[in-house]
Amino acid sequence: MKNEIHHNKMTVINGGHFSDLEGFYEEISQLFMKDEDWKVGTLDGFDDILYGVETDITWKNSQKSKEDLGFDLTKKFYENKIRQGKPFNVQLIQLKLDELIAGEGQNLFEILIEIIESHKNITLSLE
């Protein structure tokens, strides 16, 4: 078997396939981890699987995702973590929640975009 190098691999995240963070993780697991026996389930996990990935990502229906993964869902996301307490850093999460409510914090969509853009071998375009 030859070692094939895939240049400019193209990955499509379709915002039409999901409307919450769990759905996003499901979509990502399908795209990047077909042969793995575990799935992405956290923001850190999402960040981790992008290491060593070289691809152009097109996020279709990104406007829908921007709304789906926006303020309301992000607020709920933080509130759930605070309610759970350990192992989460409740003070830090409360701070993030306060920032969000004050209109200064990032929503989940923005956090996901930031994670993707922190990986130099990945080019992201929103459609």
N, C-alpha and C. Protein backbone atom coordinates (compact mmCIF):
# COMPACT_ATOMS: atom_id res chain seq x y z
N MET A 1 0.84 -1.19 0.00
CA MET A 1 0.00 0.00 0.00
C MET A 1 0.88 1.24 0.00
N LYS A 2 0.60 2.13 -0.91
CA LYS A 2 1.41 3.35 -1.00
C LYS A 2 0.97 4.35 0.07
N ASN A 3 1.92 5.12 0.54
CA ASN A 3 1.56 6.22 1.43
C ASN A 3 1.05 7.36 0.57
N GLU A 4 -0.22 7.62 0.71
CA GLU A 4 -0.78 8.71 -0.09
C GLU A 4 -0.84 9.96 0.76
N ILE A 5 -0.40 11.03 0.17
CA ILE A 5 -0.49 12.31 0.89
C ILE A 5 -1.67 13.06 0.29
N HIS A 6 -2.60 13.39 1.14
CA HIS A 6 -3.77 14.11 0.65
C HIS A 6 -3.53 15.60 0.80
N HIS A 7 -3.42 16.28 -0.31
CA HIS A 7 -3.28 17.73 -0.26
C HIS A 7 -4.66 18.34 -0.39
N ASN A 8 -4.84 19.44 0.32
CA ASN A 8 -6.11 20.16 0.23
C ASN A 8 -7.32 19.25 0.37
N LYS A 9 -7.26 18.43 1.37
CA LYS A 9 -8.42 17.61 1.68
C LYS A 9 -9.55 18.58 2.06
N MET A 10 -10.75 18.19 1.72
CA MET A 10 -11.88 19.08 1.95
C MET A 10 -12.84 18.41 2.94
N THR A 11 -13.19 19.12 3.98
CA THR A 11 -14.12 18.60 4.97
C THR A 11 -15.30 19.56 5.06
N VAL A 12 -16.49 19.01 5.04
CA VAL A 12 -17.68 19.85 5.13
C VAL A 12 -18.41 19.57 6.44
N ILE A 13 -18.53 20.61 7.26
CA ILE A 13 -19.39 20.56 8.44
C ILE A 13 -20.72 21.15 7.98
N ASN A 14 -21.80 20.40 8.15
CA ASN A 14 -23.08 20.91 7.68
C ASN A 14 -23.97 21.27 8.87
N GLY A 15 -24.17 22.56 9.06
CA GLY A 15 -24.99 23.06 10.15
C GLY A 15 -26.43 22.59 10.07
N GLY A 16 -26.84 22.09 8.90
CA GLY A 16 -28.18 21.55 8.74
C GLY A 16 -28.34 20.20 9.43
N HIS A 17 -27.23 19.57 9.79
CA HIS A 17 -27.27 18.24 10.40
C HIS A 17 -27.44 18.26 11.90
N PHE A 18 -27.30 19.43 12.53
CA PHE A 18 -27.36 19.49 14.00
C PHE A 18 -27.86 20.84 14.46
N SER A 19 -28.33 20.87 15.71
CA SER A 19 -28.81 22.13 16.24
C SER A 19 -28.34 22.38 17.67
N ASP A 20 -27.44 21.51 18.16
CA ASP A 20 -26.88 21.73 19.49
C ASP A 20 -25.45 21.20 19.52
N LEU A 21 -24.81 21.33 20.66
CA LEU A 21 -23.41 20.96 20.77
C LEU A 21 -23.21 19.45 20.62
N GLU A 22 -24.12 18.66 21.20
CA GLU A 22 -24.03 17.20 21.07
C GLU A 22 -24.09 16.81 19.60
N GLY A 23 -24.99 17.44 18.87
CA GLY A 23 -25.12 17.17 17.44
C GLY A 23 -23.87 17.56 16.67
N PHE A 24 -23.27 18.68 17.08
CA PHE A 24 -22.02 19.12 16.46
C PHE A 24 -20.93 18.07 16.68
N TYR A 25 -20.81 17.58 17.93
CA TYR A 25 -19.81 16.57 18.24
C TYR A 25 -20.04 15.30 17.41
N GLU A 26 -21.31 14.96 17.25
CA GLU A 26 -21.68 13.78 16.44
C GLU A 26 -21.19 13.97 15.00
N GLU A 27 -21.47 15.14 14.45
CA GLU A 27 -21.05 15.48 13.08
C GLU A 27 -19.52 15.41 12.95
N ILE A 28 -18.83 15.99 13.91
CA ILE A 28 -17.36 16.00 13.89
C ILE A 28 -16.80 14.58 14.01
N SER A 29 -17.42 13.78 14.88
CA SER A 29 -16.97 12.39 15.06
C SER A 29 -17.11 11.61 13.76
N GLN A 30 -18.23 11.84 13.04
CA GLN A 30 -18.45 11.20 11.74
C GLN A 30 -17.36 11.61 10.75
N LEU A 31 -17.00 12.89 10.77
CA LEU A 31 -16.07 13.42 9.78
C LEU A 31 -14.62 13.02 10.05
N PHE A 32 -14.22 13.09 11.30
CA PHE A 32 -12.79 12.93 11.61
C PHE A 32 -12.44 11.62 12.28
N MET A 33 -13.44 10.88 12.75
CA MET A 33 -13.13 9.72 13.57
C MET A 33 -13.92 8.49 13.19
N LYS A 34 -14.15 8.32 11.90
CA LYS A 34 -14.95 7.18 11.44
C LYS A 34 -14.45 5.85 12.01
N ASP A 35 -13.15 5.69 12.10
CA ASP A 35 -12.59 4.40 12.49
C ASP A 35 -12.26 4.29 13.98
N GLU A 36 -12.60 5.32 14.72
CA GLU A 36 -12.29 5.31 16.16
C GLU A 36 -13.45 4.73 16.95
N ASP A 37 -13.15 4.22 18.13
CA ASP A 37 -14.24 3.67 18.93
C ASP A 37 -14.66 4.63 20.04
N TRP A 38 -14.23 5.87 19.93
CA TRP A 38 -14.72 6.88 20.86
C TRP A 38 -15.16 8.09 20.06
N LYS A 39 -15.97 8.91 20.67
CA LYS A 39 -16.50 10.10 19.99
C LYS A 39 -16.08 11.35 20.75
N VAL A 40 -16.08 12.45 20.03
CA VAL A 40 -15.80 13.73 20.65
C VAL A 40 -16.98 14.09 21.55
N GLY A 41 -16.69 14.57 22.75
CA GLY A 41 -17.78 14.94 23.66
C GLY A 41 -17.51 16.20 24.45
N THR A 42 -16.36 16.83 24.18
CA THR A 42 -16.03 18.07 24.90
C THR A 42 -15.31 19.03 23.96
N LEU A 43 -15.24 20.28 24.37
CA LEU A 43 -14.51 21.28 23.58
C LEU A 43 -13.03 20.92 23.52
N ASP A 44 -12.47 20.45 24.65
CA ASP A 44 -11.06 20.04 24.65
C ASP A 44 -10.84 18.85 23.72
N GLY A 45 -11.79 17.92 23.74
CA GLY A 45 -11.70 16.75 22.88
C GLY A 45 -11.72 17.15 21.41
N PHE A 46 -12.57 18.13 21.09
CA PHE A 46 -12.65 18.65 19.72
C PHE A 46 -11.30 19.26 19.33
N ASP A 47 -10.75 20.06 20.22
CA ASP A 47 -9.45 20.68 19.98
C ASP A 47 -8.39 19.60 19.75
N ASP A 48 -8.40 18.57 20.60
CA ASP A 48 -7.41 17.50 20.52
C ASP A 48 -7.41 16.78 19.18
N ILE A 49 -8.59 16.47 18.65
CA ILE A 49 -8.60 15.68 17.40
C ILE A 49 -8.15 16.49 16.20
N LEU A 50 -8.10 17.82 16.33
CA LEU A 50 -7.68 18.64 15.20
C LEU A 50 -6.16 18.73 15.06
N TYR A 51 -5.45 18.29 16.12
CA TYR A 51 -3.98 18.28 16.00
C TYR A 51 -3.57 17.31 14.92
N GLY A 52 -2.69 17.78 14.03
CA GLY A 52 -2.21 16.90 12.98
C GLY A 52 -3.16 16.76 11.80
N VAL A 53 -4.32 17.41 11.89
CA VAL A 53 -5.26 17.37 10.78
C VAL A 53 -4.90 18.48 9.79
N GLU A 54 -4.85 18.13 8.52
CA GLU A 54 -4.60 19.14 7.50
C GLU A 54 -5.76 19.10 6.52
N THR A 55 -6.57 20.13 6.54
CA THR A 55 -7.76 20.10 5.69
C THR A 55 -8.31 21.50 5.50
N ASP A 56 -9.12 21.65 4.48
CA ASP A 56 -9.91 22.86 4.32
C ASP A 56 -11.30 22.52 4.82
N ILE A 57 -11.78 23.25 5.80
CA ILE A 57 -13.12 23.00 6.32
C ILE A 57 -14.07 24.05 5.78
N THR A 58 -15.16 23.57 5.22
CA THR A 58 -16.24 24.46 4.83
C THR A 58 -17.40 24.18 5.78
N TRP A 59 -17.84 25.22 6.47
CA TRP A 59 -18.97 25.08 7.39
C TRP A 59 -20.21 25.60 6.68
N LYS A 60 -20.99 24.67 6.13
CA LYS A 60 -22.23 25.04 5.43
C LYS A 60 -23.33 25.34 6.45
N ASN A 61 -24.26 26.19 6.05
CA ASN A 61 -25.33 26.61 6.95
C ASN A 61 -24.77 27.17 8.26
N SER A 62 -23.66 27.90 8.14
CA SER A 62 -23.00 28.40 9.35
C SER A 62 -23.86 29.45 10.07
N GLN A 63 -24.70 30.14 9.32
CA GLN A 63 -25.58 31.13 9.95
C GLN A 63 -26.56 30.43 10.90
N LYS A 64 -27.06 29.27 10.46
CA LYS A 64 -27.94 28.47 11.32
C LYS A 64 -27.19 28.04 12.58
N SER A 65 -25.96 27.55 12.39
CA SER A 65 -25.15 27.11 13.53
C SER A 65 -24.85 28.27 14.47
N LYS A 66 -24.63 29.43 13.88
CA LYS A 66 -24.33 30.62 14.68
C LYS A 66 -25.50 30.93 15.61
N GLU A 67 -26.72 30.74 15.09
CA GLU A 67 -27.91 30.97 15.92
C GLU A 67 -28.12 29.81 16.89
N ASP A 68 -27.99 28.56 16.38
CA ASP A 68 -28.20 27.37 17.22
C ASP A 68 -27.22 27.35 18.40
N LEU A 69 -25.97 27.67 18.13
CA LEU A 69 -24.92 27.58 19.14
C LEU A 69 -24.62 28.96 19.73
N GLY A 70 -25.64 29.77 19.77
CA GLY A 70 -25.49 31.15 20.21
C GLY A 70 -25.72 31.34 21.70
N PHE A 71 -26.22 32.50 22.04
CA PHE A 71 -26.35 32.92 23.43
C PHE A 71 -27.11 31.93 24.30
N ASP A 72 -28.31 31.55 23.87
CA ASP A 72 -29.17 30.72 24.72
C ASP A 72 -28.53 29.39 25.07
N LEU A 73 -28.02 28.72 24.04
CA LEU A 73 -27.41 27.40 24.26
C LEU A 73 -26.13 27.52 25.10
N THR A 74 -25.37 28.59 24.87
CA THR A 74 -24.13 28.80 25.61
C THR A 74 -24.43 29.04 27.09
N LYS A 75 -25.46 29.82 27.34
CA LYS A 75 -25.88 30.11 28.71
C LYS A 75 -26.26 28.80 29.41
N LYS A 76 -27.04 27.99 28.72
CA LYS A 76 -27.46 26.69 29.26
C LYS A 76 -26.23 25.78 29.50
N PHE A 77 -25.30 25.80 28.56
CA PHE A 77 -24.06 25.01 28.63
C PHE A 77 -23.30 25.35 29.91
N TYR A 78 -23.11 26.65 30.17
CA TYR A 78 -22.39 27.07 31.38
C TYR A 78 -23.19 26.75 32.64
N GLU A 79 -24.49 26.99 32.60
CA GLU A 79 -25.33 26.73 33.78
C GLU A 79 -25.30 25.25 34.16
N ASN A 80 -25.32 24.37 33.15
CA ASN A 80 -25.24 22.93 33.41
C ASN A 80 -23.93 22.55 34.09
N LYS A 81 -22.83 23.14 33.62
CA LYS A 81 -21.53 22.85 34.21
C LYS A 81 -21.48 23.34 35.66
N ILE A 82 -22.03 24.51 35.91
CA ILE A 82 -22.04 25.06 37.27
C ILE A 82 -22.89 24.16 38.17
N ARG A 83 -24.02 23.69 37.64
CA ARG A 83 -24.89 22.81 38.40
C ARG A 83 -24.18 21.50 38.73
N GLN A 84 -23.42 20.98 37.78
CA GLN A 84 -22.67 19.73 37.99
C GLN A 84 -21.54 19.91 38.99
N GLY A 85 -20.97 21.10 39.01
CA GLY A 85 -19.84 21.33 39.91
C GLY A 85 -18.62 20.54 39.45
N LYS A 86 -18.03 19.77 40.34
CA LYS A 86 -16.83 19.02 39.99
C LYS A 86 -17.08 18.14 38.77
N PRO A 87 -16.12 17.94 37.89
CA PRO A 87 -14.73 18.41 37.94
C PRO A 87 -14.54 19.81 37.38
N PHE A 88 -15.63 20.52 37.15
CA PHE A 88 -15.51 21.83 36.50
C PHE A 88 -15.09 22.92 37.48
N ASN A 89 -14.36 23.88 36.96
CA ASN A 89 -13.94 25.03 37.75
C ASN A 89 -15.11 26.01 37.75
N VAL A 90 -15.92 25.91 38.79
CA VAL A 90 -17.18 26.66 38.84
C VAL A 90 -16.95 28.17 38.81
N GLN A 91 -15.92 28.64 39.49
CA GLN A 91 -15.66 30.09 39.48
C GLN A 91 -15.35 30.59 38.06
N LEU A 92 -14.51 29.83 37.38
CA LEU A 92 -14.13 30.20 36.02
C LEU A 92 -15.35 30.20 35.10
N ILE A 93 -16.16 29.17 35.25
CA ILE A 93 -17.34 29.06 34.39
C ILE A 93 -18.35 30.16 34.72
N GLN A 94 -18.49 30.49 36.00
CA GLN A 94 -19.38 31.58 36.39
C GLN A 94 -18.90 32.89 35.76
N LEU A 95 -17.59 33.08 35.74
CA LEU A 95 -17.00 34.27 35.12
C LEU A 95 -17.35 34.32 33.63
N LYS A 96 -17.20 33.18 32.96
CA LYS A 96 -17.52 33.10 31.53
C LYS A 96 -19.01 33.38 31.30
N LEU A 97 -19.84 32.86 32.19
CA LEU A 97 -21.28 33.07 32.09
C LEU A 97 -21.60 34.56 32.29
N ASP A 98 -20.98 35.18 33.29
CA ASP A 98 -21.20 36.61 33.55
C ASP A 98 -20.78 37.44 32.35
N GLU A 99 -19.65 37.08 31.76
CA GLU A 99 -19.16 37.81 30.57
C GLU A 99 -20.15 37.66 29.42
N LEU A 100 -20.64 36.44 29.25
CA LEU A 100 -21.59 36.17 28.17
C LEU A 100 -22.84 37.05 28.35
N ILE A 101 -23.37 37.05 29.57
CA ILE A 101 -24.59 37.81 29.86
C ILE A 101 -24.35 39.31 29.68
N ALA A 102 -23.14 39.74 29.99
CA ALA A 102 -22.79 41.15 29.83
C ALA A 102 -22.51 41.51 28.37
N GLY A 103 -22.58 40.49 27.50
CA GLY A 103 -22.36 40.75 26.08
C GLY A 103 -20.89 40.81 25.70
N GLU A 104 -20.02 40.32 26.58
CA GLU A 104 -18.58 40.38 26.30
C GLU A 104 -17.98 39.00 26.02
N GLY A 105 -18.65 37.96 26.50
CA GLY A 105 -18.09 36.62 26.35
C GLY A 105 -18.39 36.01 24.99
N GLN A 106 -17.70 34.93 24.70
CA GLN A 106 -17.92 34.21 23.44
C GLN A 106 -19.05 33.21 23.60
N ASN A 107 -19.82 33.05 22.53
CA ASN A 107 -20.79 31.95 22.53
C ASN A 107 -20.10 30.70 21.99
N LEU A 108 -20.81 29.58 22.04
CA LEU A 108 -20.21 28.30 21.63
C LEU A 108 -19.75 28.32 20.18
N PHE A 109 -20.53 28.95 19.32
CA PHE A 109 -20.15 29.03 17.91
C PHE A 109 -18.79 29.72 17.78
N GLU A 110 -18.64 30.84 18.48
CA GLU A 110 -17.39 31.60 18.41
C GLU A 110 -16.23 30.80 19.01
N ILE A 111 -16.51 30.07 20.07
CA ILE A 111 -15.48 29.23 20.69
C ILE A 111 -15.02 28.14 19.72
N LEU A 112 -15.98 27.50 19.05
CA LEU A 112 -15.64 26.44 18.08
C LEU A 112 -14.82 27.01 16.92
N ILE A 113 -15.21 28.19 16.44
CA ILE A 113 -14.46 28.84 15.35
C ILE A 113 -13.04 29.12 15.81
N GLU A 114 -12.91 29.65 17.04
CA GLU A 114 -11.58 29.97 17.57
C GLU A 114 -10.72 28.71 17.68
N ILE A 115 -11.32 27.60 18.12
CA ILE A 115 -10.58 26.34 18.22
C ILE A 115 -10.08 25.92 16.83
N ILE A 116 -10.97 25.96 15.85
CA ILE A 116 -10.59 25.56 14.49
C ILE A 116 -9.47 26.46 13.98
N GLU A 117 -9.63 27.78 14.18
CA GLU A 117 -8.66 28.73 13.63
C GLU A 117 -7.31 28.69 14.35
N SER A 118 -7.27 28.08 15.54
CA SER A 118 -6.00 27.98 16.26
C SER A 118 -5.11 26.90 15.66
N HIS A 119 -5.66 26.09 14.77
CA HIS A 119 -4.88 25.03 14.10
C HIS A 119 -4.42 25.53 12.74
N LYS A 120 -3.13 25.70 12.63
CA LYS A 120 -2.56 26.36 11.44
C LYS A 120 -2.74 25.57 10.14
N ASN A 121 -2.91 24.25 10.23
CA ASN A 121 -3.04 23.44 9.02
C ASN A 121 -4.47 23.34 8.51
N ILE A 122 -5.34 24.09 9.15
CA ILE A 122 -6.76 24.03 8.77
C ILE A 122 -7.20 25.39 8.27
N THR A 123 -7.84 25.38 7.12
CA THR A 123 -8.41 26.61 6.59
C THR A 123 -9.92 26.49 6.75
N LEU A 124 -10.54 27.52 7.28
CA LEU A 124 -11.98 27.49 7.52
C LEU A 124 -12.69 28.51 6.65
N SER A 125 -13.75 28.08 5.99
CA SER A 125 -14.62 29.06 5.35
C SER A 125 -16.05 28.81 5.75
N LEU A 126 -16.77 29.88 6.02
CA LEU A 126 -18.16 29.80 6.45
C LEU A 126 -19.06 30.08 5.26
N GLU A 127 -20.08 29.22 5.11
CA GLU A 127 -21.02 29.42 4.00
C GLU A 127 -22.41 29.58 4.53
